[in-house]
Amino acid sequence: MAVRAVGCCALELILTGDPVPAARAAEIGLVNAVVPAGELLDAARGLVDRIIRHAPTAVSACLRAVTPGINLPIDEGLAVEAACFAATVPTDGVREGLRRFLDRPAAG
């Protein structure tokens, strides 16, 4: 007997309004991680720490590129991304990031 997948998770959730258990939300990519309630603040701080290691200009450019770009045709989305990247190139943050990248020991 052939088995076929049915539907789209997002559409199902929108149309049914069914609650989504945390494990299912993680399984379908709605959340990044599931942690015990007592560890939620530490997990959130860990995510923030990973983000703020990067230059604010770079983080801001990523947000400016992704947020509108997700709803654009691919060619327009890539143009938005390229413009955001180009705006970061002359910044100190990019120069510092490139210097750190080039100074890393070779993987191997």
N, C-alpha and C. Protein backbone atom coordinates (compact mmCIF):
# COMPACT_ATOMS: atom_id res chain seq x y z
N MET A 1 0.84 -1.17 0.00
CA MET A 1 0.00 0.00 0.00
C MET A 1 0.89 1.24 0.00
N ALA A 2 0.61 2.19 -0.87
CA ALA A 2 1.37 3.43 -0.93
C ALA A 2 0.91 4.36 0.19
N VAL A 3 1.88 5.04 0.77
CA VAL A 3 1.58 6.00 1.83
C VAL A 3 1.87 7.39 1.29
N ARG A 4 0.97 8.30 1.54
CA ARG A 4 1.18 9.67 1.07
C ARG A 4 1.10 10.63 2.25
N ALA A 5 1.93 11.65 2.20
CA ALA A 5 1.87 12.69 3.21
C ALA A 5 0.68 13.59 2.88
N VAL A 6 0.03 14.05 3.91
CA VAL A 6 -1.14 14.89 3.70
C VAL A 6 -0.93 16.24 4.37
N GLY A 7 -1.15 17.30 3.62
CA GLY A 7 -1.24 18.63 4.18
C GLY A 7 0.06 19.33 4.48
N CYS A 8 -0.11 20.46 5.06
CA CYS A 8 0.97 21.35 5.43
C CYS A 8 0.78 21.68 6.91
N CYS A 9 1.83 21.49 7.71
CA CYS A 9 1.71 21.72 9.16
C CYS A 9 1.21 23.13 9.47
N ALA A 10 1.80 24.13 8.82
CA ALA A 10 1.42 25.51 9.11
C ALA A 10 -0.05 25.74 8.79
N LEU A 11 -0.51 25.26 7.66
CA LEU A 11 -1.90 25.45 7.27
C LEU A 11 -2.83 24.72 8.24
N GLU A 12 -2.45 23.52 8.63
CA GLU A 12 -3.25 22.77 9.60
C GLU A 12 -3.38 23.55 10.92
N LEU A 13 -2.28 24.08 11.40
CA LEU A 13 -2.31 24.83 12.65
C LEU A 13 -3.15 26.09 12.54
N ILE A 14 -3.03 26.78 11.42
CA ILE A 14 -3.80 28.01 11.21
C ILE A 14 -5.29 27.71 11.15
N LEU A 15 -5.66 26.68 10.39
CA LEU A 15 -7.08 26.40 10.17
C LEU A 15 -7.74 25.72 11.34
N THR A 16 -7.02 24.90 12.09
CA THR A 16 -7.65 24.18 13.20
C THR A 16 -7.55 24.94 14.51
N GLY A 17 -6.50 25.73 14.67
CA GLY A 17 -6.29 26.41 15.95
C GLY A 17 -5.93 25.45 17.06
N ASP A 18 -5.58 24.21 16.71
CA ASP A 18 -5.22 23.21 17.72
C ASP A 18 -3.97 23.65 18.48
N PRO A 19 -3.92 23.37 19.79
CA PRO A 19 -2.69 23.66 20.54
C PRO A 19 -1.57 22.74 20.04
N VAL A 20 -0.34 23.22 20.16
CA VAL A 20 0.81 22.46 19.69
C VAL A 20 1.70 22.16 20.89
N PRO A 21 1.83 20.88 21.25
CA PRO A 21 2.74 20.54 22.35
C PRO A 21 4.17 20.96 22.00
N ALA A 22 4.97 21.27 23.00
CA ALA A 22 6.32 21.77 22.78
C ALA A 22 7.16 20.82 21.92
N ALA A 23 7.08 19.53 22.18
CA ALA A 23 7.88 18.57 21.41
C ALA A 23 7.50 18.60 19.93
N ARG A 24 6.21 18.72 19.65
CA ARG A 24 5.75 18.78 18.25
C ARG A 24 6.19 20.09 17.61
N ALA A 25 6.13 21.20 18.37
CA ALA A 25 6.57 22.49 17.85
C ALA A 25 8.05 22.43 17.46
N ALA A 26 8.85 21.76 18.27
CA ALA A 26 10.28 21.60 17.95
C ALA A 26 10.46 20.71 16.72
N GLU A 27 9.68 19.64 16.66
CA GLU A 27 9.79 18.69 15.55
C GLU A 27 9.52 19.35 14.21
N ILE A 28 8.57 20.29 14.16
CA ILE A 28 8.21 20.91 12.89
C ILE A 28 8.88 22.27 12.69
N GLY A 29 9.79 22.62 13.59
CA GLY A 29 10.58 23.82 13.40
C GLY A 29 9.94 25.13 13.84
N LEU A 30 8.91 25.05 14.67
CA LEU A 30 8.30 26.29 15.18
C LEU A 30 9.10 26.91 16.31
N VAL A 31 9.86 26.10 17.02
CA VAL A 31 10.69 26.60 18.12
C VAL A 31 12.11 26.04 17.92
N ASN A 32 13.08 26.74 18.47
CA ASN A 32 14.48 26.33 18.34
C ASN A 32 14.84 25.19 19.29
N ALA A 33 14.25 25.23 20.49
CA ALA A 33 14.60 24.23 21.50
C ALA A 33 13.46 24.11 22.51
N VAL A 34 13.40 22.97 23.15
CA VAL A 34 12.47 22.75 24.25
C VAL A 34 13.32 22.49 25.48
N VAL A 35 13.11 23.29 26.51
CA VAL A 35 13.88 23.16 27.74
C VAL A 35 12.92 23.13 28.92
N PRO A 36 13.33 22.54 30.03
CA PRO A 36 12.49 22.56 31.22
C PRO A 36 12.22 24.01 31.65
N ALA A 37 11.05 24.26 32.21
CA ALA A 37 10.63 25.62 32.58
C ALA A 37 11.70 26.33 33.42
N GLY A 38 12.32 25.63 34.34
CA GLY A 38 13.32 26.24 35.20
C GLY A 38 14.60 26.64 34.47
N GLU A 39 14.78 26.16 33.25
CA GLU A 39 15.98 26.45 32.47
C GLU A 39 15.73 27.43 31.33
N LEU A 40 14.49 27.91 31.21
CA LEU A 40 14.12 28.76 30.08
C LEU A 40 14.93 30.05 30.03
N LEU A 41 15.06 30.74 31.14
CA LEU A 41 15.79 32.00 31.15
C LEU A 41 17.26 31.79 30.80
N ASP A 42 17.87 30.72 31.34
CA ASP A 42 19.27 30.43 31.01
C ASP A 42 19.43 30.10 29.53
N ALA A 43 18.48 29.36 28.96
CA ALA A 43 18.54 29.01 27.54
C ALA A 43 18.40 30.27 26.69
N ALA A 44 17.49 31.16 27.08
CA ALA A 44 17.31 32.41 26.33
C ALA A 44 18.57 33.27 26.42
N ARG A 45 19.17 33.34 27.60
CA ARG A 45 20.40 34.11 27.75
C ARG A 45 21.53 33.51 26.92
N GLY A 46 21.57 32.18 26.84
CA GLY A 46 22.58 31.53 26.02
C GLY A 46 22.43 31.90 24.55
N LEU A 47 21.19 31.95 24.08
CA LEU A 47 20.94 32.35 22.69
C LEU A 47 21.37 33.80 22.48
N VAL A 48 21.01 34.66 23.40
CA VAL A 48 21.41 36.07 23.31
C VAL A 48 22.92 36.19 23.30
N ASP A 49 23.61 35.45 24.15
CA ASP A 49 25.08 35.51 24.20
C ASP A 49 25.68 35.11 22.85
N ARG A 50 25.09 34.11 22.20
CA ARG A 50 25.60 33.69 20.89
C ARG A 50 25.36 34.77 19.83
N ILE A 51 24.26 35.50 19.95
CA ILE A 51 23.96 36.55 18.98
C ILE A 51 24.86 37.76 19.19
N ILE A 52 25.02 38.19 20.44
CA ILE A 52 25.76 39.43 20.69
C ILE A 52 27.28 39.27 20.55
N ARG A 53 27.75 38.07 20.27
CA ARG A 53 29.18 37.90 19.95
C ARG A 53 29.49 38.54 18.61
N HIS A 54 28.47 38.77 17.82
CA HIS A 54 28.65 39.34 16.48
C HIS A 54 28.47 40.85 16.53
N ALA A 55 29.04 41.52 15.56
CA ALA A 55 28.94 42.97 15.49
C ALA A 55 27.47 43.39 15.35
N PRO A 56 27.07 44.43 16.08
CA PRO A 56 25.68 44.90 15.98
C PRO A 56 25.29 45.26 14.54
N THR A 57 26.23 45.78 13.78
CA THR A 57 25.95 46.12 12.38
C THR A 57 25.57 44.87 11.59
N ALA A 58 26.28 43.77 11.84
CA ALA A 58 26.01 42.52 11.13
C ALA A 58 24.67 41.94 11.53
N VAL A 59 24.37 41.95 12.82
CA VAL A 59 23.09 41.42 13.30
C VAL A 59 21.94 42.24 12.72
N SER A 60 22.09 43.54 12.74
CA SER A 60 21.07 44.43 12.20
C SER A 60 20.87 44.19 10.70
N ALA A 61 21.97 44.02 9.97
CA ALA A 61 21.87 43.77 8.52
C ALA A 61 21.16 42.45 8.25
N CYS A 62 21.45 41.44 9.06
CA CYS A 62 20.76 40.15 8.90
C CYS A 62 19.25 40.32 9.07
N LEU A 63 18.87 41.04 10.11
CA LEU A 63 17.44 41.26 10.35
C LEU A 63 16.80 42.06 9.22
N ARG A 64 17.51 43.08 8.72
CA ARG A 64 16.97 43.89 7.62
C ARG A 64 16.84 43.07 6.33
N ALA A 65 17.72 42.10 6.14
CA ALA A 65 17.67 41.27 4.94
C ALA A 65 16.61 40.19 5.03
N VAL A 66 16.54 39.52 6.17
CA VAL A 66 15.65 38.37 6.30
C VAL A 66 14.19 38.77 6.44
N THR A 67 13.92 39.78 7.25
CA THR A 67 12.54 40.12 7.56
C THR A 67 11.72 40.44 6.31
N PRO A 68 12.14 41.38 5.46
CA PRO A 68 11.32 41.61 4.26
C PRO A 68 11.59 40.57 3.18
N GLY A 69 12.80 40.03 3.16
CA GLY A 69 13.19 39.11 2.10
C GLY A 69 12.43 37.81 2.08
N ILE A 70 11.88 37.43 3.21
CA ILE A 70 11.19 36.14 3.29
C ILE A 70 9.91 36.13 2.45
N ASN A 71 9.37 37.31 2.20
CA ASN A 71 8.12 37.40 1.45
C ASN A 71 8.31 37.88 0.02
N LEU A 72 9.54 37.89 -0.44
CA LEU A 72 9.83 38.37 -1.79
C LEU A 72 10.20 37.22 -2.71
N PRO A 73 10.03 37.42 -4.02
CA PRO A 73 10.57 36.43 -4.96
C PRO A 73 12.08 36.33 -4.75
N ILE A 74 12.66 35.21 -5.10
CA ILE A 74 14.06 34.93 -4.79
C ILE A 74 15.00 36.02 -5.33
N ASP A 75 14.77 36.49 -6.55
CA ASP A 75 15.68 37.49 -7.11
C ASP A 75 15.61 38.80 -6.33
N GLU A 76 14.41 39.20 -5.91
CA GLU A 76 14.28 40.43 -5.11
C GLU A 76 14.85 40.22 -3.70
N GLY A 77 14.63 39.06 -3.12
CA GLY A 77 15.18 38.76 -1.81
C GLY A 77 16.70 38.79 -1.81
N LEU A 78 17.29 38.23 -2.86
CA LEU A 78 18.75 38.25 -2.97
C LEU A 78 19.28 39.67 -3.16
N ALA A 79 18.52 40.51 -3.85
CA ALA A 79 18.93 41.91 -4.02
C ALA A 79 18.90 42.64 -2.68
N VAL A 80 17.88 42.38 -1.86
CA VAL A 80 17.81 42.98 -0.53
C VAL A 80 19.00 42.51 0.30
N GLU A 81 19.28 41.21 0.26
CA GLU A 81 20.42 40.66 1.00
C GLU A 81 21.73 41.30 0.55
N ALA A 82 21.92 41.42 -0.74
CA ALA A 82 23.16 42.01 -1.27
C ALA A 82 23.30 43.47 -0.82
N ALA A 83 22.21 44.21 -0.84
CA ALA A 83 22.27 45.61 -0.41
C ALA A 83 22.61 45.72 1.08
N CYS A 84 22.03 44.85 1.89
CA CYS A 84 22.32 44.86 3.33
C CYS A 84 23.77 44.47 3.59
N PHE A 85 24.26 43.48 2.86
CA PHE A 85 25.66 43.07 3.01
C PHE A 85 26.59 44.21 2.59
N ALA A 86 26.29 44.83 1.47
CA ALA A 86 27.14 45.92 0.96
C ALA A 86 27.22 47.06 1.97
N ALA A 87 26.14 47.31 2.69
CA ALA A 87 26.14 48.39 3.67
C ALA A 87 27.03 48.07 4.87
N THR A 88 27.30 46.79 5.12
CA THR A 88 28.14 46.42 6.27
C THR A 88 29.62 46.38 5.93
N VAL A 89 29.96 46.24 4.67
CA VAL A 89 31.36 46.04 4.27
C VAL A 89 32.30 47.14 4.79
N PRO A 90 31.94 48.41 4.70
CA PRO A 90 32.91 49.42 5.14
C PRO A 90 32.96 49.64 6.65
N THR A 91 32.29 48.83 7.44
CA THR A 91 32.24 49.07 8.88
C THR A 91 33.40 48.43 9.62
N ASP A 92 33.69 48.98 10.80
CA ASP A 92 34.75 48.42 11.65
C ASP A 92 34.43 46.99 12.07
N GLY A 93 33.15 46.71 12.32
CA GLY A 93 32.76 45.38 12.75
C GLY A 93 33.11 44.31 11.73
N VAL A 94 32.88 44.61 10.47
CA VAL A 94 33.22 43.64 9.41
C VAL A 94 34.72 43.48 9.30
N ARG A 95 35.45 44.58 9.36
CA ARG A 95 36.92 44.47 9.30
C ARG A 95 37.44 43.62 10.46
N GLU A 96 36.92 43.85 11.66
CA GLU A 96 37.35 43.08 12.83
C GLU A 96 36.99 41.61 12.67
N GLY A 97 35.78 41.33 12.20
CA GLY A 97 35.37 39.94 11.99
C GLY A 97 36.24 39.23 10.97
N LEU A 98 36.55 39.90 9.89
CA LEU A 98 37.43 39.31 8.88
C LEU A 98 38.83 39.07 9.44
N ARG A 99 39.33 40.02 10.24
CA ARG A 99 40.65 39.84 10.84
C ARG A 99 40.66 38.62 11.75
N ARG A 100 39.62 38.47 12.60
CA ARG A 100 39.56 37.31 13.50
C ARG A 100 39.45 36.02 12.70
N PHE A 101 38.65 36.03 11.62
CA PHE A 101 38.50 34.85 10.80
C PHE A 101 39.84 34.45 10.18
N LEU A 102 40.54 35.41 9.63
CA LEU A 102 41.83 35.13 8.98
C LEU A 102 42.92 34.74 9.96
N ASP A 103 42.80 35.19 11.21
CA ASP A 103 43.80 34.85 12.23
C ASP A 103 43.56 33.49 12.88
N ARG A 104 42.43 32.85 12.58
CA ARG A 104 42.14 31.54 13.19
C ARG A 104 43.13 30.50 12.68
N PRO A 105 43.45 29.52 13.54
CA PRO A 105 44.28 28.41 13.05
C PRO A 105 43.51 27.61 11.99
N ALA A 106 44.22 27.09 11.05
CA ALA A 106 43.59 26.29 9.99
C ALA A 106 42.98 25.03 10.58
N ALA A 107 41.77 24.68 10.11
CA ALA A 107 41.12 23.44 10.56
C ALA A 107 41.82 22.26 9.90
N GLY A 108 41.88 21.20 10.64
CA GLY A 108 42.50 20.11 9.94
C GLY A 108 42.86 18.99 10.75
